[in-house]
Amino acid sequence: QTNDLSSVHLGVKFSCRFNLREIQERWYALLYDPVISKLACQAMRQLHPEAIAAIQSKVLFSKAEERLLSQVGSSTQPTLDTFQELLHKHPEVFYPSRTAKALQLHWQLMKQYYLLADQT
């Protein structure tokens, strides 16, 4: 979803506090250390589907996703159908596990922090 480890450091809640350098080192180990990579793959294969769904529901929104969400006007009262239509029109942009409800909640946060296109 993102290749920016700085964003991951700022936006993801880990089991304990890691600094950016530690995250970079762990990521490098996952990619290039054959032992660690193999263990991580085995652990991921053993995850329960509900655990996978919980993890996927917390995936950071990409800039492209937020750009589309920001186009929904702040003065409108969008329904779940509005966000379902966005998902339907732009399946290549939205992360596959996104739901209309998740988009609506994120849009409300964006509106609260004046991040919509029609807000100053």
N, C-alpha and C. Protein backbone atom coordinates (compact mmCIF):
# COMPACT_ATOMS: atom_id res chain seq x y z
N GLN A 1 0.82 -1.19 0.00
CA GLN A 1 0.00 0.00 0.00
C GLN A 1 0.86 1.26 0.00
N THR A 2 1.99 1.20 0.69
CA THR A 2 2.89 2.35 0.68
C THR A 2 4.33 1.85 0.71
N ASN A 3 5.20 2.61 0.13
CA ASN A 3 6.62 2.27 0.20
C ASN A 3 7.39 3.32 1.00
N ASP A 4 6.66 4.09 1.76
CA ASP A 4 7.25 5.15 2.57
C ASP A 4 7.30 4.72 4.03
N LEU A 5 8.46 4.28 4.47
CA LEU A 5 8.59 3.79 5.85
C LEU A 5 8.41 4.91 6.87
N SER A 6 8.63 6.15 6.47
CA SER A 6 8.37 7.27 7.38
C SER A 6 6.88 7.36 7.69
N SER A 7 6.04 7.16 6.67
CA SER A 7 4.59 7.16 6.88
C SER A 7 4.17 5.99 7.75
N VAL A 8 4.79 4.85 7.52
CA VAL A 8 4.49 3.67 8.35
C VAL A 8 4.86 3.97 9.80
N HIS A 9 6.02 4.55 10.01
CA HIS A 9 6.47 4.88 11.37
C HIS A 9 5.48 5.81 12.06
N LEU A 10 4.97 6.79 11.32
CA LEU A 10 4.05 7.76 11.90
C LEU A 10 2.62 7.23 12.04
N GLY A 11 2.21 6.36 11.12
CA GLY A 11 0.80 6.00 11.05
C GLY A 11 0.40 4.63 11.53
N VAL A 12 1.37 3.78 11.87
CA VAL A 12 1.04 2.42 12.28
C VAL A 12 1.37 2.23 13.75
N LYS A 13 0.43 1.61 14.46
CA LYS A 13 0.66 1.31 15.87
C LYS A 13 1.27 -0.09 15.96
N PHE A 14 2.48 -0.17 16.46
CA PHE A 14 3.17 -1.45 16.62
C PHE A 14 2.98 -1.96 18.04
N SER A 15 3.40 -3.21 18.26
CA SER A 15 3.27 -3.82 19.59
C SER A 15 4.15 -3.14 20.62
N CYS A 16 5.21 -2.53 20.17
CA CYS A 16 6.05 -1.72 21.06
C CYS A 16 6.62 -0.56 20.25
N ARG A 17 7.22 0.40 20.93
CA ARG A 17 7.70 1.61 20.26
C ARG A 17 9.00 1.33 19.51
N PHE A 18 8.97 1.60 18.20
CA PHE A 18 10.16 1.47 17.36
C PHE A 18 10.48 2.83 16.78
N ASN A 19 11.78 3.14 16.65
CA ASN A 19 12.12 4.36 15.93
C ASN A 19 12.23 4.01 14.44
N LEU A 20 12.36 5.02 13.61
CA LEU A 20 12.38 4.82 12.17
C LEU A 20 13.51 3.90 11.73
N ARG A 21 14.66 4.07 12.32
CA ARG A 21 15.82 3.23 11.95
C ARG A 21 15.53 1.75 12.24
N GLU A 22 14.92 1.47 13.38
CA GLU A 22 14.60 0.08 13.72
C GLU A 22 13.59 -0.52 12.73
N ILE A 23 12.63 0.29 12.32
CA ILE A 23 11.66 -0.18 11.33
C ILE A 23 12.35 -0.47 10.01
N GLN A 24 13.25 0.41 9.61
CA GLN A 24 14.00 0.19 8.37
C GLN A 24 14.83 -1.09 8.45
N GLU A 25 15.48 -1.33 9.57
CA GLU A 25 16.29 -2.53 9.74
C GLU A 25 15.43 -3.80 9.71
N ARG A 26 14.28 -3.74 10.37
CA ARG A 26 13.37 -4.89 10.39
C ARG A 26 12.83 -5.17 8.99
N TRP A 27 12.48 -4.11 8.27
CA TRP A 27 11.97 -4.28 6.91
C TRP A 27 13.04 -4.90 6.01
N TYR A 28 14.24 -4.41 6.12
CA TYR A 28 15.36 -4.95 5.33
C TYR A 28 15.53 -6.44 5.65
N ALA A 29 15.48 -6.80 6.94
CA ALA A 29 15.64 -8.20 7.34
C ALA A 29 14.51 -9.06 6.76
N LEU A 30 13.28 -8.54 6.79
CA LEU A 30 12.16 -9.30 6.23
C LEU A 30 12.35 -9.55 4.73
N LEU A 31 12.92 -8.58 4.04
CA LEU A 31 13.10 -8.72 2.60
C LEU A 31 14.32 -9.55 2.21
N TYR A 32 15.41 -9.40 2.96
CA TYR A 32 16.68 -9.94 2.47
C TYR A 32 17.33 -11.01 3.34
N ASP A 33 16.89 -11.18 4.57
CA ASP A 33 17.46 -12.23 5.41
C ASP A 33 16.63 -13.49 5.20
N PRO A 34 17.21 -14.53 4.58
CA PRO A 34 16.42 -15.71 4.22
C PRO A 34 15.76 -16.41 5.41
N VAL A 35 16.42 -16.44 6.54
CA VAL A 35 15.85 -17.12 7.71
C VAL A 35 14.65 -16.33 8.25
N ILE A 36 14.84 -15.04 8.44
CA ILE A 36 13.77 -14.19 8.96
C ILE A 36 12.61 -14.14 7.97
N SER A 37 12.91 -14.03 6.70
CA SER A 37 11.87 -13.99 5.67
C SER A 37 11.03 -15.26 5.68
N LYS A 38 11.68 -16.40 5.78
CA LYS A 38 10.98 -17.69 5.79
C LYS A 38 10.08 -17.80 7.03
N LEU A 39 10.60 -17.41 8.19
CA LEU A 39 9.81 -17.46 9.42
C LEU A 39 8.60 -16.54 9.34
N ALA A 40 8.79 -15.36 8.79
CA ALA A 40 7.69 -14.40 8.66
C ALA A 40 6.61 -14.94 7.73
N CYS A 41 7.01 -15.55 6.63
CA CYS A 41 6.04 -16.12 5.68
C CYS A 41 5.25 -17.25 6.34
N GLN A 42 5.94 -18.10 7.08
CA GLN A 42 5.24 -19.18 7.79
C GLN A 42 4.23 -18.63 8.79
N ALA A 43 4.63 -17.62 9.53
CA ALA A 43 3.73 -17.01 10.52
C ALA A 43 2.51 -16.39 9.84
N MET A 44 2.72 -15.73 8.70
CA MET A 44 1.60 -15.10 7.99
C MET A 44 0.63 -16.15 7.45
N ARG A 45 1.15 -17.27 6.97
CA ARG A 45 0.28 -18.34 6.46
C ARG A 45 -0.59 -18.94 7.55
N GLN A 46 -0.14 -18.85 8.79
CA GLN A 46 -0.87 -19.46 9.90
C GLN A 46 -1.88 -18.50 10.55
N LEU A 47 -1.92 -17.27 10.10
CA LEU A 47 -2.87 -16.31 10.68
C LEU A 47 -4.31 -16.72 10.39
N HIS A 48 -5.16 -16.55 11.37
CA HIS A 48 -6.58 -16.82 11.22
C HIS A 48 -7.20 -15.76 10.30
N PRO A 49 -8.17 -16.14 9.47
CA PRO A 49 -8.79 -15.17 8.56
C PRO A 49 -9.33 -13.92 9.25
N GLU A 50 -9.83 -14.07 10.47
CA GLU A 50 -10.33 -12.90 11.20
C GLU A 50 -9.19 -11.96 11.59
N ALA A 51 -8.03 -12.53 11.91
CA ALA A 51 -6.87 -11.72 12.24
C ALA A 51 -6.40 -10.97 10.99
N ILE A 52 -6.43 -11.63 9.86
CA ILE A 52 -6.05 -10.99 8.60
C ILE A 52 -6.99 -9.84 8.29
N ALA A 53 -8.29 -10.06 8.45
CA ALA A 53 -9.28 -9.01 8.19
C ALA A 53 -9.07 -7.82 9.13
N ALA A 54 -8.75 -8.09 10.39
CA ALA A 54 -8.52 -7.00 11.36
C ALA A 54 -7.29 -6.19 10.96
N ILE A 55 -6.25 -6.86 10.51
CA ILE A 55 -5.02 -6.17 10.07
C ILE A 55 -5.32 -5.34 8.83
N GLN A 56 -6.01 -5.93 7.87
CA GLN A 56 -6.30 -5.23 6.62
C GLN A 56 -7.20 -4.02 6.84
N SER A 57 -8.04 -4.07 7.85
CA SER A 57 -8.93 -2.92 8.11
C SER A 57 -8.16 -1.72 8.63
N LYS A 58 -6.92 -1.92 9.06
CA LYS A 58 -6.12 -0.83 9.62
C LYS A 58 -5.06 -0.31 8.64
N VAL A 59 -5.11 -0.78 7.40
CA VAL A 59 -4.14 -0.34 6.40
C VAL A 59 -4.27 1.16 6.18
N LEU A 60 -3.15 1.87 6.15
CA LEU A 60 -3.16 3.31 5.92
C LEU A 60 -3.80 3.65 4.58
N PHE A 61 -4.47 4.77 4.51
CA PHE A 61 -5.03 5.24 3.25
C PHE A 61 -3.91 5.85 2.41
N SER A 62 -3.93 5.54 1.13
CA SER A 62 -2.91 6.09 0.23
C SER A 62 -3.30 7.51 -0.17
N LYS A 63 -2.34 8.23 -0.75
CA LYS A 63 -2.62 9.58 -1.23
C LYS A 63 -3.69 9.55 -2.32
N ALA A 64 -3.65 8.53 -3.18
CA ALA A 64 -4.65 8.42 -4.25
C ALA A 64 -6.05 8.19 -3.68
N GLU A 65 -6.14 7.35 -2.65
CA GLU A 65 -7.44 7.12 -2.01
C GLU A 65 -7.96 8.41 -1.39
N GLU A 66 -7.10 9.11 -0.68
CA GLU A 66 -7.52 10.36 -0.03
C GLU A 66 -7.86 11.44 -1.05
N ARG A 67 -7.17 11.43 -2.18
CA ARG A 67 -7.48 12.41 -3.24
C ARG A 67 -8.92 12.19 -3.73
N LEU A 68 -9.31 10.93 -3.94
CA LEU A 68 -10.68 10.65 -4.38
C LEU A 68 -11.70 11.00 -3.29
N LEU A 69 -11.39 10.65 -2.06
CA LEU A 69 -12.30 10.96 -0.96
C LEU A 69 -12.47 12.46 -0.78
N SER A 70 -11.40 13.20 -1.01
CA SER A 70 -11.46 14.66 -0.80
C SER A 70 -12.38 15.34 -1.81
N GLN A 71 -12.71 14.65 -2.90
CA GLN A 71 -13.59 15.23 -3.91
C GLN A 71 -15.06 15.20 -3.49
N VAL A 72 -15.38 14.41 -2.47
CA VAL A 72 -16.75 14.40 -1.95
C VAL A 72 -16.92 15.67 -1.13
N GLY A 73 -17.85 16.51 -1.53
CA GLY A 73 -18.00 17.84 -0.95
C GLY A 73 -18.28 17.85 0.54
N SER A 74 -17.72 18.85 1.21
CA SER A 74 -17.90 18.97 2.66
C SER A 74 -19.31 19.43 3.03
N SER A 75 -20.02 20.06 2.10
CA SER A 75 -21.36 20.55 2.41
C SER A 75 -22.43 19.50 2.12
N THR A 76 -22.02 18.36 1.57
CA THR A 76 -22.99 17.30 1.28
C THR A 76 -23.13 16.39 2.49
N GLN A 77 -24.15 15.59 2.46
CA GLN A 77 -24.36 14.56 3.48
C GLN A 77 -24.27 13.22 2.76
N PRO A 78 -23.04 12.77 2.42
CA PRO A 78 -22.92 11.54 1.64
C PRO A 78 -23.40 10.32 2.43
N THR A 79 -24.05 9.42 1.71
CA THR A 79 -24.54 8.19 2.31
C THR A 79 -23.54 7.07 2.04
N LEU A 80 -23.80 5.93 2.60
CA LEU A 80 -22.94 4.78 2.31
C LEU A 80 -22.95 4.46 0.82
N ASP A 81 -24.08 4.71 0.16
CA ASP A 81 -24.16 4.47 -1.29
C ASP A 81 -23.16 5.34 -2.06
N THR A 82 -22.94 6.56 -1.59
CA THR A 82 -21.96 7.46 -2.22
C THR A 82 -20.58 6.81 -2.20
N PHE A 83 -20.21 6.26 -1.06
CA PHE A 83 -18.88 5.66 -0.92
C PHE A 83 -18.80 4.30 -1.61
N GLN A 84 -19.92 3.58 -1.64
CA GLN A 84 -19.96 2.32 -2.38
C GLN A 84 -19.75 2.58 -3.87
N GLU A 85 -20.33 3.65 -4.37
CA GLU A 85 -20.16 4.02 -5.77
C GLU A 85 -18.70 4.37 -6.07
N LEU A 86 -18.05 5.08 -5.13
CA LEU A 86 -16.62 5.39 -5.28
C LEU A 86 -15.80 4.12 -5.39
N LEU A 87 -16.10 3.16 -4.51
CA LEU A 87 -15.39 1.87 -4.56
C LEU A 87 -15.61 1.18 -5.90
N HIS A 88 -16.85 1.23 -6.38
CA HIS A 88 -17.20 0.56 -7.63
C HIS A 88 -16.53 1.23 -8.83
N LYS A 89 -16.47 2.56 -8.82
CA LYS A 89 -15.89 3.30 -9.95
C LYS A 89 -14.37 3.23 -9.99
N HIS A 90 -13.72 3.04 -8.83
CA HIS A 90 -12.26 3.11 -8.76
C HIS A 90 -11.66 1.90 -8.03
N PRO A 91 -11.94 0.69 -8.50
CA PRO A 91 -11.41 -0.49 -7.79
C PRO A 91 -9.89 -0.58 -7.84
N GLU A 92 -9.29 0.07 -8.84
CA GLU A 92 -7.83 0.02 -8.96
C GLU A 92 -7.14 0.95 -7.97
N VAL A 93 -7.87 1.88 -7.38
CA VAL A 93 -7.29 2.84 -6.45
C VAL A 93 -7.42 2.37 -5.01
N PHE A 94 -8.59 1.85 -4.67
CA PHE A 94 -8.86 1.49 -3.28
C PHE A 94 -8.32 0.11 -2.93
N TYR A 95 -7.76 0.03 -1.73
CA TYR A 95 -7.27 -1.24 -1.21
C TYR A 95 -8.42 -2.23 -1.23
N PRO A 96 -8.17 -3.49 -1.64
CA PRO A 96 -9.25 -4.45 -1.85
C PRO A 96 -10.19 -4.68 -0.65
N SER A 97 -9.69 -4.54 0.56
CA SER A 97 -10.55 -4.81 1.71
C SER A 97 -11.31 -3.57 2.21
N ARG A 98 -11.21 -2.45 1.51
CA ARG A 98 -11.94 -1.25 1.91
C ARG A 98 -13.44 -1.48 1.77
N THR A 99 -14.18 -0.94 2.70
CA THR A 99 -15.64 -0.99 2.65
C THR A 99 -16.17 0.43 2.55
N ALA A 100 -17.44 0.54 2.16
CA ALA A 100 -18.07 1.85 2.08
C ALA A 100 -18.05 2.52 3.46
N LYS A 101 -18.26 1.74 4.51
CA LYS A 101 -18.26 2.29 5.87
C LYS A 101 -16.87 2.83 6.23
N ALA A 102 -15.82 2.10 5.85
CA ALA A 102 -14.45 2.55 6.14
C ALA A 102 -14.16 3.86 5.42
N LEU A 103 -14.63 3.96 4.16
CA LEU A 103 -14.44 5.22 3.41
C LEU A 103 -15.20 6.36 4.07
N GLN A 104 -16.42 6.08 4.50
CA GLN A 104 -17.22 7.11 5.14
C GLN A 104 -16.56 7.61 6.42
N LEU A 105 -16.04 6.71 7.23
CA LEU A 105 -15.37 7.10 8.48
C LEU A 105 -14.12 7.93 8.20
N HIS A 106 -13.35 7.52 7.18
CA HIS A 106 -12.13 8.27 6.86
C HIS A 106 -12.49 9.64 6.28
N TRP A 107 -13.55 9.70 5.46
CA TRP A 107 -13.99 10.97 4.91
C TRP A 107 -14.40 11.92 6.04
N GLN A 108 -15.09 11.39 7.06
CA GLN A 108 -15.50 12.21 8.19
C GLN A 108 -14.29 12.77 8.93
N LEU A 109 -13.25 11.96 9.07
CA LEU A 109 -12.01 12.44 9.69
C LEU A 109 -11.37 13.53 8.83
N MET A 110 -11.33 13.30 7.53
CA MET A 110 -10.75 14.31 6.64
C MET A 110 -11.54 15.61 6.73
N LYS A 111 -12.86 15.51 6.79
CA LYS A 111 -13.71 16.70 6.91
C LYS A 111 -13.42 17.42 8.23
N GLN A 112 -13.29 16.67 9.30
CA GLN A 112 -13.03 17.24 10.61
C GLN A 112 -11.73 18.04 10.63
N TYR A 113 -10.73 17.56 9.89
CA TYR A 113 -9.42 18.23 9.87
C TYR A 113 -9.24 19.13 8.65
N TYR A 114 -10.34 19.47 7.97
CA TYR A 114 -10.33 20.39 6.84
C TYR A 114 -9.38 19.93 5.73
N LEU A 115 -9.50 18.66 5.36
CA LEU A 115 -8.64 18.10 4.32
C LEU A 115 -9.39 17.82 3.02
N LEU A 116 -10.63 18.25 2.94
CA LEU A 116 -11.41 18.03 1.72
C LEU A 116 -11.09 19.13 0.72
N ALA A 117 -11.28 18.80 -0.56
CA ALA A 117 -10.89 19.73 -1.65
C ALA A 117 -11.59 21.08 -1.56
N ASP A 118 -12.83 21.11 -1.08
CA ASP A 118 -13.56 22.37 -1.03
C ASP A 118 -13.43 23.09 0.31
N GLN A 119 -12.52 22.63 1.16
CA GLN A 119 -12.30 23.28 2.44
C GLN A 119 -10.99 24.07 2.40
N THR A 120 -10.94 25.12 3.22
CA THR A 120 -9.70 25.91 3.27
C THR A 120 -8.93 25.59 4.53
